[in-house]
Amino acid sequence: MSKRITLDELKSYLWNSAVLLRTHIDAGSYKQYIFPLLFFKRISDVYDQECDAILEEYGDEEALDFPENHRFAMPNGYHWRDVRSVAENVGVAIINAFRAIERANVEKLQGVFGDGAWTNKNRLPDELLKDLIEHFSTLTLSIANCPEDELGQGYEYLIRKFADDSGHTAQEFYTNRTVVHLMTEMLKPESSESIYDPTCGSAGMLISAIAHLKAQGKEWRNVKIYGQEINALTSAIARMNLFLHGVKDFYIVNDDTLMNPAFIENNRLMTFDIVVANPPYSINQWNREAFAADKYGRNFLGTPPQGRADYAFFQHILKSLDQKTGRCAILFPHGVLFRNEENALREKLITSDLVDCVIGLGANLFYNSPMEACIVICRMNKHPERRGQILLINAVNEVTRKNAQSCLDDVHIKKIADAYQSYADIDGFSKVITIEDSKKNGYSLSIPLYVREVVSEEAVDNRSVTECAAKWLDRVFETRIAFEDLKSLIGGECDEG
């Protein structure tokens, strides 16, 4: 059956599958059940489409069994239609199909369906599972009906909706896509490059890099994708996401990046052309002692404080960059730019001349958090004219509200990207500083120290109390730095006297 599915139809179809689960399971668990069923339905329908094409071309049913004619192996008795025909113990049938498909595709699909409690009839009675299966059966998710890019958009929509609906679990697997697009635009990935995300979540940043190449009309199938994710379910979602977007050459590993980095060559960290990341903010449950004696040399700037692992991830990323082509964009809390307890690490970072640009973002760009974040861009081989310098961009006002969420519009992304490209002072927006400038400010990169906002008298302040409080804290820090400088100056004059 061939019927092209519109994006609106796809979104409605996907979200209504989740609606069926309401009152049965917590919203935070939707993804544990909806994503595997969606993926199961997709590969079954694609397999059927391949079978139709094989029969049309060869007219021989024996050709249906040739592995080279299929993207995935579909073991007999475990197709979607086989599960659909089951009347009772539906959860058992689903689990059996998942495991059989994983065993038949070990290299590609091992563990991809996760470990949902499908056989728990208190949570998922047969009637509910039958309703879900019948709902998914209303559309045929073949590539002809639903091309990879469109299904990928639908999948991203579902991720975003789950983030909206589940609240506290949102940031585990969803980063504001407009921020991700900005990061990709700054790095400008090229064909045949390797791209790595050490805390990849649902792989949104990796997919954004592929989307950038597609939009530029450049070859993207020769890009090598690597990711690591500590959460088993989220890593499975990442693999499904990449598959559904048509990406085939990827490696996603479920493990702790700080404790057990997955990508090693000759007892050293593998290096990549591009690293994009949104590490978990300021975690305190990590093995600081092991990192202090890291065998891969990831503590070259020093060992971060126990209460904040930000610079542990930062150093891991820098160590993962190719010496010639390596560049990264990392989403961090503003604190990495000025916190006292990380000052020694920050000094070594700045004097190493790896930091190329710091972008201060506006508030409310992250689910359930009014915090302002920043993007730090580093390059292992900076342009000669930029060496010894850092561009600071104050983009806190480059934000808009849509559907109760903050985001960056295309005009905001272009303004920030153009400023980065020009690498020049723009009054109230960007400032090129030297390493010596940062030294005078105690190696702080707090953007308000260097870039003063230009505010007209007519400007109306629409910020919330929380946003104002966050801005006030920035100003307090700025004042404290200035006060310390003044004390130092006065002390020096007294000594001379």
Protein backbone atom coordinates (compact mmCIF):
# COMPACT_ATOMS: atom_id res chain seq x y z
CA MET A 1 0.00 0.00 0.00
CA SER A 2 1.51 3.33 -1.06
CA LYS A 3 0.17 6.58 0.34
CA ARG A 4 2.50 9.50 0.99
CA ILE A 5 2.13 10.62 4.61
CA THR A 6 2.17 14.36 5.29
CA LEU A 7 4.24 15.69 8.18
CA ASP A 8 1.10 16.82 10.00
CA GLU A 9 -0.42 13.36 9.63
CA LEU A 10 2.80 11.81 10.91
CA LYS A 11 2.94 14.07 13.96
CA SER A 12 -0.68 13.37 14.84
CA TYR A 13 -0.14 9.64 14.36
CA LEU A 14 2.92 9.61 16.62
CA TRP A 15 1.51 11.75 19.38
CA ASN A 16 -1.79 9.85 19.49
CA SER A 17 0.17 6.69 20.19
CA ALA A 18 1.44 8.34 23.37
CA VAL A 19 -2.05 9.55 24.28
CA LEU A 20 -3.12 5.90 24.48
CA LEU A 21 -0.62 5.41 27.32
CA ARG A 22 -1.96 8.23 29.47
CA THR A 23 -3.37 7.11 32.83
CA HIS A 24 -1.47 3.82 32.43
CA ILE A 25 2.16 4.89 32.81
CA ASP A 26 4.07 7.99 33.84
CA ALA A 27 4.74 10.49 31.06
CA GLY A 28 8.46 10.12 31.66
CA SER A 29 8.21 6.49 30.52
CA TYR A 30 6.40 7.10 27.23
CA LYS A 31 9.63 6.96 25.26
CA GLN A 32 10.45 3.53 26.68
CA TYR A 33 7.49 2.03 24.82
CA ILE A 34 6.60 4.31 21.91
CA PHE A 35 10.04 4.54 20.33
CA PRO A 36 10.67 0.75 20.17
CA LEU A 37 7.22 0.12 18.67
CA LEU A 38 7.73 2.88 16.11
CA PHE A 39 11.11 1.43 15.16
CA PHE A 40 9.69 -2.11 14.95
CA LYS A 41 6.89 -0.93 12.68
CA ARG A 42 9.32 1.03 10.48
CA ILE A 43 11.77 -1.80 9.87
CA SER A 44 8.91 -4.24 9.21
CA ASP A 45 7.36 -1.93 6.62
CA VAL A 46 10.72 -1.18 5.00
CA TYR A 47 11.40 -4.92 4.82
CA ASP A 48 8.05 -5.41 3.04
CA GLN A 49 8.87 -2.61 0.60
CA GLU A 50 12.21 -4.26 -0.17
CA CYS A 51 10.43 -7.60 -0.75
CA ASP A 52 8.03 -5.97 -3.22
CA ALA A 53 10.94 -4.39 -5.09
CA ILE A 54 12.84 -7.70 -5.20
CA LEU A 55 9.87 -9.59 -6.60
CA GLU A 56 9.26 -6.88 -9.19
CA GLU A 57 12.89 -6.92 -10.32
CA TYR A 58 13.70 -10.62 -10.16
CA GLY A 59 10.30 -12.33 -10.10
CA ASP A 60 11.87 -14.97 -7.89
CA GLU A 61 10.93 -15.58 -4.26
CA GLU A 62 14.34 -17.14 -3.56
CA ALA A 63 15.88 -13.67 -3.98
CA LEU A 64 13.90 -12.56 -0.93
CA ASP A 65 16.32 -14.52 1.27
CA PHE A 66 19.49 -12.85 -0.02
CA PRO A 67 20.84 -10.64 2.87
CA GLU A 68 22.33 -8.10 0.46
CA ASN A 69 18.80 -7.21 -0.68
CA HIS A 70 17.75 -6.00 2.78
CA ARG A 71 18.85 -3.37 5.26
CA PHE A 72 17.92 -5.65 8.16
CA ALA A 73 17.31 -9.36 8.59
CA MET A 74 13.71 -10.13 9.53
CA PRO A 75 13.50 -13.56 11.23
CA ASN A 76 10.49 -15.69 10.32
CA GLY A 77 7.60 -15.38 12.75
CA TYR A 78 8.72 -12.06 14.25
CA HIS A 79 7.45 -9.52 11.74
CA TRP A 80 5.02 -6.79 12.84
CA ARG A 81 2.11 -8.70 11.33
CA ASP A 82 3.04 -11.78 13.41
CA VAL A 83 2.85 -9.80 16.63
CA ARG A 84 -0.33 -8.09 15.46
CA SER A 85 -2.03 -11.47 15.12
CA VAL A 86 -1.39 -12.43 18.75
CA ALA A 87 -4.53 -12.28 20.91
CA GLU A 88 -3.08 -12.73 24.42
CA ASN A 89 0.25 -12.35 26.18
CA VAL A 90 0.96 -9.59 23.70
CA GLY A 91 3.83 -8.23 25.77
CA VAL A 92 5.62 -11.59 25.55
CA ALA A 93 5.16 -11.62 21.78
CA ILE A 94 6.62 -8.10 21.53
CA ILE A 95 9.65 -9.00 23.66
CA ASN A 96 10.25 -12.19 21.68
CA ALA A 97 10.13 -10.27 18.40
CA PHE A 98 12.51 -7.60 19.68
CA ARG A 99 15.07 -10.12 20.88
CA ALA A 100 14.83 -12.22 17.72
CA ILE A 101 15.42 -9.14 15.53
CA GLU A 102 18.36 -8.06 17.68
CA ARG A 103 19.94 -11.53 17.45
CA ALA A 104 19.48 -11.55 13.68
CA ASN A 105 21.16 -8.11 13.39
CA VAL A 106 23.76 -8.20 16.17
CA GLU A 107 26.15 -5.65 14.66
CA LYS A 108 23.45 -3.10 13.86
CA LEU A 109 20.64 -3.59 16.37
CA GLN A 110 21.93 -5.30 19.50
CA GLY A 111 20.11 -3.76 22.48
CA VAL A 112 18.34 -1.14 20.35
CA PHE A 113 14.85 -1.99 21.63
CA GLY A 114 15.73 -1.38 25.27
CA ASP A 115 14.36 -3.26 28.25
CA GLY A 116 10.82 -1.97 28.78
CA ALA A 117 8.53 -3.92 31.11
CA TRP A 118 6.36 -5.21 28.27
CA THR A 119 5.16 -8.27 30.19
CA ASN A 120 3.87 -6.29 33.19
CA LYS A 121 0.14 -6.62 32.64
CA ASN A 122 -0.67 -4.28 35.50
CA ARG A 123 0.93 -1.46 33.57
CA LEU A 124 0.41 -2.73 30.04
CA PRO A 125 -2.58 -5.06 29.80
CA ASP A 126 -3.14 -6.97 26.58
CA GLU A 127 -6.00 -4.66 25.59
CA LEU A 128 -3.76 -1.60 25.78
CA LEU A 129 -0.96 -3.21 23.80
CA LYS A 130 -3.44 -4.38 21.17
CA ASP A 131 -4.77 -0.81 20.91
CA LEU A 132 -1.22 0.50 20.46
CA ILE A 133 -0.42 -2.04 17.78
CA GLU A 134 -3.66 -1.36 15.94
CA HIS A 135 -2.97 2.37 16.11
CA PHE A 136 0.50 1.94 14.62
CA SER A 137 -0.97 -0.37 11.97
CA THR A 138 -3.15 2.42 10.56
CA LEU A 139 -0.22 3.79 8.51
CA THR A 140 2.42 2.04 6.43
CA LEU A 141 5.83 3.47 7.32
CA SER A 142 7.67 2.43 4.17
CA ILE A 143 10.31 4.73 2.72
CA ALA A 144 7.98 5.43 -0.22
CA ASN A 145 5.25 6.61 2.14
CA CYS A 146 7.52 8.28 4.67
CA PRO A 147 11.05 9.21 3.51
CA GLU A 148 13.85 9.12 6.05
CA ASP A 149 14.12 12.88 6.48
CA GLU A 150 10.39 13.21 7.13
CA LEU A 151 10.26 10.31 9.55
CA GLY A 152 13.28 11.80 11.28
CA GLN A 153 11.40 15.10 11.66
CA GLY A 154 8.46 13.23 13.12
CA TYR A 155 10.75 11.41 15.52
CA GLU A 156 12.32 14.69 16.65
CA TYR A 157 8.83 16.11 17.15
CA LEU A 158 7.98 13.17 19.39
CA ILE A 159 11.16 13.64 21.41
CA ARG A 160 10.27 17.28 21.90
CA LYS A 161 6.69 16.44 22.89
CA PHE A 162 7.92 13.92 25.43
CA ALA A 163 10.21 16.60 26.81
CA ASP A 164 7.23 18.94 27.14
CA ASP A 165 5.08 16.28 28.73
CA SER A 166 7.55 14.62 31.07
CA GLY A 167 9.17 17.71 32.53
CA HIS A 168 11.92 16.56 34.85
CA THR A 169 13.29 13.99 32.42
CA ALA A 170 13.40 16.33 29.46
CA GLN A 171 16.98 17.52 29.53
CA GLU A 172 18.27 13.95 29.70
CA PHE A 173 17.48 13.43 26.06
CA TYR A 174 16.56 16.75 24.51
CA THR A 175 18.57 19.90 23.86
CA ASN A 176 16.87 22.91 22.31
CA ARG A 177 17.27 22.24 18.60
CA THR A 178 17.75 25.88 17.65
CA VAL A 179 20.79 26.05 19.95
CA VAL A 180 22.09 22.85 18.34
CA HIS A 181 21.64 24.38 14.87
CA LEU A 182 23.69 27.37 15.99
CA MET A 183 26.51 25.13 17.25
CA THR A 184 26.55 23.22 13.97
CA GLU A 185 26.57 26.45 11.97
CA MET A 186 29.62 27.64 13.91
CA LEU A 187 31.60 24.46 13.23
CA LYS A 188 30.56 23.95 9.57
CA PRO A 189 31.05 20.19 9.19
CA GLU A 190 32.41 18.92 5.89
CA SER A 191 32.03 15.70 3.92
CA SER A 192 34.16 12.73 5.06
CA GLU A 193 34.83 14.25 8.48
CA SER A 194 34.41 12.40 11.78
CA ILE A 195 31.94 13.83 14.31
CA TYR A 196 31.76 12.83 17.97
CA ASP A 197 29.45 13.59 20.89
CA PRO A 198 30.69 12.19 24.24
CA THR A 199 27.32 12.75 25.96
CA CYS A 200 25.12 12.22 22.93
CA GLY A 201 21.64 11.84 24.47
CA SER A 202 19.23 11.03 21.64
CA ALA A 203 21.89 12.00 19.02
CA GLY A 204 20.25 15.32 18.13
CA MET A 205 23.58 17.14 17.79
CA LEU A 206 25.02 14.43 15.55
CA ILE A 207 21.93 14.47 13.35
CA SER A 208 22.10 18.26 13.15
CA ALA A 209 25.59 17.97 11.65
CA ILE A 210 24.26 15.58 9.01
CA ALA A 211 21.32 17.91 8.33
CA HIS A 212 23.75 20.80 7.82
CA LEU A 213 25.57 18.86 5.11
CA LYS A 214 22.30 17.90 3.44
CA ALA A 215 21.16 21.53 3.44
CA GLN A 216 24.45 22.55 1.81
CA GLY A 217 23.99 19.89 -0.88
CA LYS A 218 27.18 18.14 0.26
CA GLU A 219 27.83 14.41 0.50
CA TRP A 220 26.89 13.21 3.98
CA ARG A 221 26.95 9.42 3.69
CA ASN A 222 30.75 9.33 4.10
CA VAL A 223 30.66 11.10 7.47
CA LYS A 224 31.60 8.90 10.42
CA ILE A 225 29.43 9.41 13.50
CA TYR A 226 30.48 8.50 17.05
CA GLY A 227 28.63 8.92 20.33
CA GLN A 228 28.63 7.75 23.92
CA GLU A 229 25.71 7.92 26.34
CA ILE A 230 25.56 6.74 29.95
CA ASN A 231 21.78 6.09 29.99
CA ALA A 232 20.95 2.75 28.35
CA LEU A 233 17.47 3.74 27.15
CA THR A 234 18.66 7.08 25.80
CA SER A 235 21.54 5.43 23.93
CA ALA A 236 19.03 3.04 22.34
CA ILE A 237 16.88 6.04 21.33
CA ALA A 238 19.99 7.64 19.79
CA ARG A 239 20.63 4.58 17.63
CA MET A 240 17.00 4.41 16.52
CA ASN A 241 17.09 8.14 15.78
CA LEU A 242 20.15 7.79 13.55
CA PHE A 243 18.67 4.79 11.74
CA LEU A 244 15.39 6.60 11.14
CA HIS A 245 17.30 9.58 9.72
CA GLY A 246 19.01 7.28 7.22
CA VAL A 247 22.46 7.41 8.85
CA LYS A 248 24.26 4.07 8.60
CA ASP A 249 27.93 4.64 9.46
CA PHE A 250 27.69 5.32 13.18
CA TYR A 251 28.89 3.95 16.49
CA ILE A 252 26.89 4.65 19.63
CA VAL A 253 28.13 3.13 22.89
CA ASN A 254 26.28 2.90 26.20
CA ASP A 255 28.80 3.67 28.96
CA ASP A 256 30.23 6.35 31.25
CA THR A 257 32.46 8.66 29.20
CA LEU A 258 34.56 9.84 32.14
CA MET A 259 35.06 6.39 33.65
CA ASN A 260 35.19 4.29 30.47
CA PRO A 261 35.74 6.27 27.28
CA ALA A 262 34.58 4.02 24.47
CA PHE A 263 36.73 5.10 21.54
CA ILE A 264 40.36 4.08 22.01
CA GLU A 265 43.14 3.52 19.49
CA ASN A 266 46.60 2.26 20.46
CA ASN A 267 45.84 2.93 24.15
CA ARG A 268 45.00 6.55 23.37
CA LEU A 269 41.75 8.42 22.91
CA MET A 270 40.58 8.46 19.32
CA THR A 271 40.58 11.95 17.86
CA PHE A 272 37.91 13.52 15.68
CA ASP A 273 37.49 16.46 13.35
CA ILE A 274 34.44 17.78 15.21
CA VAL A 275 33.12 17.35 18.74
CA VAL A 276 29.71 18.70 19.75
CA ALA A 277 28.43 18.24 23.28
CA ASN A 278 26.01 19.29 25.98
CA PRO A 279 27.57 17.60 29.02
CA PRO A 280 25.51 17.17 32.19
CA TYR A 281 25.85 20.36 34.20
CA SER A 282 28.06 20.44 37.29
CA ILE A 283 27.56 16.82 38.36
CA ASN A 284 29.10 15.85 41.69
CA GLN A 285 28.72 12.07 41.51
CA TRP A 286 31.85 11.20 39.55
CA ASN A 287 35.19 9.52 40.27
CA ARG A 288 37.50 12.47 40.80
CA GLU A 289 40.25 10.30 42.23
CA ALA A 290 40.41 8.15 39.09
CA PHE A 291 40.40 11.24 36.87
CA ALA A 292 43.32 12.71 38.81
CA ALA A 293 45.40 9.74 37.65
CA ASP A 294 43.78 9.40 34.23
CA LYS A 295 45.75 7.06 31.99
CA TYR A 296 44.67 8.96 28.89
CA GLY A 297 46.08 12.27 30.14
CA ARG A 298 42.70 13.97 30.26
CA ASN A 299 43.70 15.98 33.35
CA PHE A 300 46.25 18.10 31.47
CA LEU A 301 44.66 21.29 32.77
CA GLY A 302 44.25 19.88 36.28
CA THR A 303 41.68 17.97 38.29
CA PRO A 304 38.28 19.68 38.66
CA PRO A 305 36.60 20.00 42.08
CA GLN A 306 34.41 17.10 43.18
CA GLY A 307 31.26 19.20 43.06
CA ARG A 308 31.65 20.18 39.41
CA ALA A 309 32.74 17.80 36.65
CA ASP A 310 32.36 20.39 33.87
CA TYR A 311 36.10 20.72 33.29
CA ALA A 312 36.49 16.94 33.31
CA PHE A 313 34.19 16.74 30.29
CA PHE A 314 35.90 19.81 28.82
CA GLN A 315 39.33 18.18 29.01
CA HIS A 316 38.00 14.89 27.61
CA ILE A 317 36.65 16.80 24.62
CA LEU A 318 39.88 18.71 24.01
CA LYS A 319 41.85 15.46 24.19
CA SER A 320 39.47 14.00 21.60
CA LEU A 321 40.21 16.65 18.95
CA ASP A 322 42.42 16.04 15.94
CA GLN A 323 45.55 18.16 16.24
CA LYS A 324 45.14 19.71 12.78
CA THR A 325 41.42 19.82 12.03
CA GLY A 326 39.89 19.46 15.50
CA ARG A 327 37.24 21.92 16.58
CA CYS A 328 34.45 21.74 19.13
CA ALA A 329 31.33 23.52 20.35
CA ILE A 330 30.29 22.77 23.92
CA LEU A 331 27.18 23.93 25.75
CA PHE A 332 28.06 24.82 29.35
CA PRO A 333 26.58 26.71 32.30
CA HIS A 334 27.97 30.24 32.53
CA GLY A 335 29.86 29.29 35.69
CA VAL A 336 32.68 27.64 33.74
CA LEU A 337 33.64 31.12 32.58
CA PHE A 338 34.31 32.59 36.03
CA ARG A 339 33.94 30.21 39.02
CA ASN A 340 36.76 30.64 41.53
CA GLU A 341 37.27 26.93 42.24
CA GLU A 342 38.12 26.33 38.57
CA ASN A 343 40.32 29.37 38.12
CA ALA A 344 43.61 27.45 37.84
CA LEU A 345 42.14 25.16 35.17
CA ARG A 346 40.67 28.11 33.30
CA GLU A 347 44.03 29.94 33.34
CA LYS A 348 45.76 26.96 31.72
CA LEU A 349 42.93 26.65 29.22
CA ILE A 350 43.14 30.31 28.20
CA THR A 351 46.94 30.43 28.04
CA SER A 352 46.95 27.28 25.89
CA ASP A 353 45.20 29.42 23.25
CA LEU A 354 42.58 26.81 22.41
CA VAL A 355 39.51 28.95 23.09
CA ASP A 356 38.33 30.62 19.90
CA CYS A 357 34.95 32.05 20.89
CA VAL A 358 32.49 32.21 23.79
CA ILE A 359 28.81 32.93 23.15
CA GLY A 360 26.52 33.93 26.01
CA LEU A 361 22.96 32.72 25.38
CA GLY A 362 19.69 34.04 26.75
CA ALA A 363 17.57 32.55 29.50
CA ASN A 364 14.86 29.88 29.22
CA LEU A 365 16.39 28.04 26.28
CA PHE A 366 16.34 24.84 28.30
CA TYR A 367 13.43 22.83 29.62
CA ASN A 368 12.42 23.61 33.20
CA SER A 369 15.39 25.92 33.69
CA PRO A 370 15.62 29.71 33.45
CA MET A 371 19.42 29.48 33.43
CA GLU A 372 21.56 31.20 30.85
CA ALA A 373 24.09 28.91 29.18
CA CYS A 374 27.08 29.58 26.98
CA ILE A 375 28.67 27.93 23.98
CA VAL A 376 32.45 27.56 24.09
CA ILE A 377 34.16 27.02 20.74
CA CYS A 378 37.72 25.71 20.68
CA ARG A 379 40.07 25.00 17.81
CA MET A 380 43.30 23.04 17.94
CA ASN A 381 44.66 25.02 15.00
CA LYS A 382 43.29 28.55 15.19
CA HIS A 383 43.46 30.89 12.23
CA PRO A 384 46.83 32.71 12.42
CA GLU A 385 45.20 36.13 12.72
CA ARG A 386 43.09 34.92 15.69
CA ARG A 387 45.91 33.44 17.75
CA GLY A 388 46.24 34.92 21.20
CA GLN A 389 42.67 36.23 20.98
CA ILE A 390 39.18 35.18 22.04
CA LEU A 391 35.91 36.49 20.63
CA LEU A 392 33.17 37.07 23.21
CA ILE A 393 29.60 37.41 21.96
CA ASN A 394 26.80 38.68 24.17
CA ALA A 395 23.73 37.02 22.63
CA VAL A 396 21.48 37.08 25.71
CA ASN A 397 18.91 39.16 23.87
CA GLU A 398 18.93 36.96 20.74
CA VAL A 399 15.94 34.89 21.77
CA THR A 400 12.24 34.70 21.02
CA ARG A 401 9.22 32.95 22.56
CA LYS A 402 7.13 30.48 20.55
CA ASN A 403 4.50 28.15 21.94
CA ALA A 404 5.58 28.88 25.53
CA GLN A 405 9.20 27.97 24.72
CA SER A 406 12.24 30.13 24.04
CA CYS A 407 14.24 29.56 20.89
CA LEU A 408 16.67 31.14 18.45
CA ASP A 409 15.18 32.32 15.17
CA ASP A 410 17.12 32.07 11.93
CA VAL A 411 17.86 35.78 12.17
CA HIS A 412 19.45 35.27 15.60
CA ILE A 413 21.57 32.37 14.38
CA LYS A 414 22.72 34.38 11.36
CA LYS A 415 23.62 37.41 13.48
CA ILE A 416 25.72 35.30 15.85
CA ALA A 417 27.35 33.30 13.04
CA ASP A 418 28.16 36.48 11.08
CA ALA A 419 29.76 38.02 14.17
CA TYR A 420 31.88 34.91 14.59
CA GLN A 421 32.85 34.98 10.93
CA SER A 422 33.89 38.64 11.06
CA TYR A 423 35.68 38.19 14.42
CA ALA A 424 35.48 41.89 15.23
CA ASP A 425 34.17 44.26 17.88
CA ILE A 426 30.48 45.13 17.55
CA ASP A 427 29.25 47.71 20.02
CA GLY A 428 27.15 46.02 22.71
CA PHE A 429 27.36 42.62 21.03
CA SER A 430 30.88 41.27 20.56
CA LYS A 431 34.41 41.98 21.68
CA VAL A 432 37.77 40.52 20.71
CA ILE A 433 39.99 40.21 23.78
CA THR A 434 43.57 39.07 24.17
CA ILE A 435 44.92 36.51 26.59
CA GLU A 436 46.52 39.44 28.42
CA ASP A 437 43.10 41.12 28.76
CA SER A 438 41.75 38.03 30.48
CA LYS A 439 44.79 37.90 32.74
CA LYS A 440 43.99 41.41 33.97
CA ASN A 441 40.57 40.12 34.97
CA GLY A 442 41.91 37.09 36.82
CA TYR A 443 41.41 34.85 33.76
CA SER A 444 37.68 35.36 33.93
CA LEU A 445 35.73 35.07 30.70
CA SER A 446 32.54 36.47 32.17
CA ILE A 447 31.11 38.19 29.12
CA PRO A 448 29.65 41.28 30.91
CA LEU A 449 33.20 42.20 31.98
CA TYR A 450 34.09 42.88 28.37
CA VAL A 451 30.88 43.40 26.40
CA ARG A 452 28.57 46.12 27.68
CA GLU A 453 24.93 45.89 26.66
CA VAL A 454 23.60 48.90 24.77
CA VAL A 455 20.14 49.65 26.18
CA SER A 456 17.97 52.43 24.78
CA GLU A 457 15.78 54.50 27.07
CA GLU A 458 12.72 53.27 25.17
CA ALA A 459 13.57 49.62 25.77
CA VAL A 460 10.95 47.72 27.74
CA ASP A 461 12.17 45.11 30.21
CA ASN A 462 9.98 42.01 29.82
CA ARG A 463 12.20 39.70 31.81
CA SER A 464 10.85 37.50 34.58
CA VAL A 465 11.95 37.87 38.21
CA THR A 466 14.09 34.75 37.83
CA GLU A 467 15.82 36.12 34.74
CA CYS A 468 16.46 39.43 36.51
CA ALA A 469 17.90 37.59 39.50
CA ALA A 470 20.25 35.61 37.25
CA LYS A 471 21.39 38.82 35.58
CA TRP A 472 21.88 40.43 38.99
CA LEU A 473 24.17 37.57 40.03
CA ASP A 474 26.26 38.18 36.92
CA ARG A 475 26.56 41.84 37.85
CA VAL A 476 27.50 40.93 41.43
CA PHE A 477 30.31 38.79 40.13
CA GLU A 478 31.46 41.54 37.78
CA THR A 479 31.49 44.02 40.67
CA ARG A 480 33.44 41.62 42.87
CA ILE A 481 36.12 41.17 40.20
CA ALA A 482 36.42 44.94 39.82
CA PHE A 483 36.66 45.32 43.60
CA GLU A 484 39.43 42.70 43.79
CA ASP A 485 41.30 44.55 41.05
CA LEU A 486 40.91 47.80 42.97
CA LYS A 487 42.18 46.21 46.20
CA SER A 488 45.15 44.80 44.33
CA LEU A 489 45.91 48.20 42.83
CA ILE A 490 45.64 50.01 46.18
CA GLY A 491 47.75 47.35 47.85
CA GLY A 492 50.43 47.75 45.19
CA GLU A 493 50.51 51.54 45.64
CA CYS A 494 50.84 51.14 49.41
CA ASP A 495 53.72 48.72 48.98
CA GLU A 496 55.49 51.17 46.70
CA GLY A 497 55.04 53.90 49.32
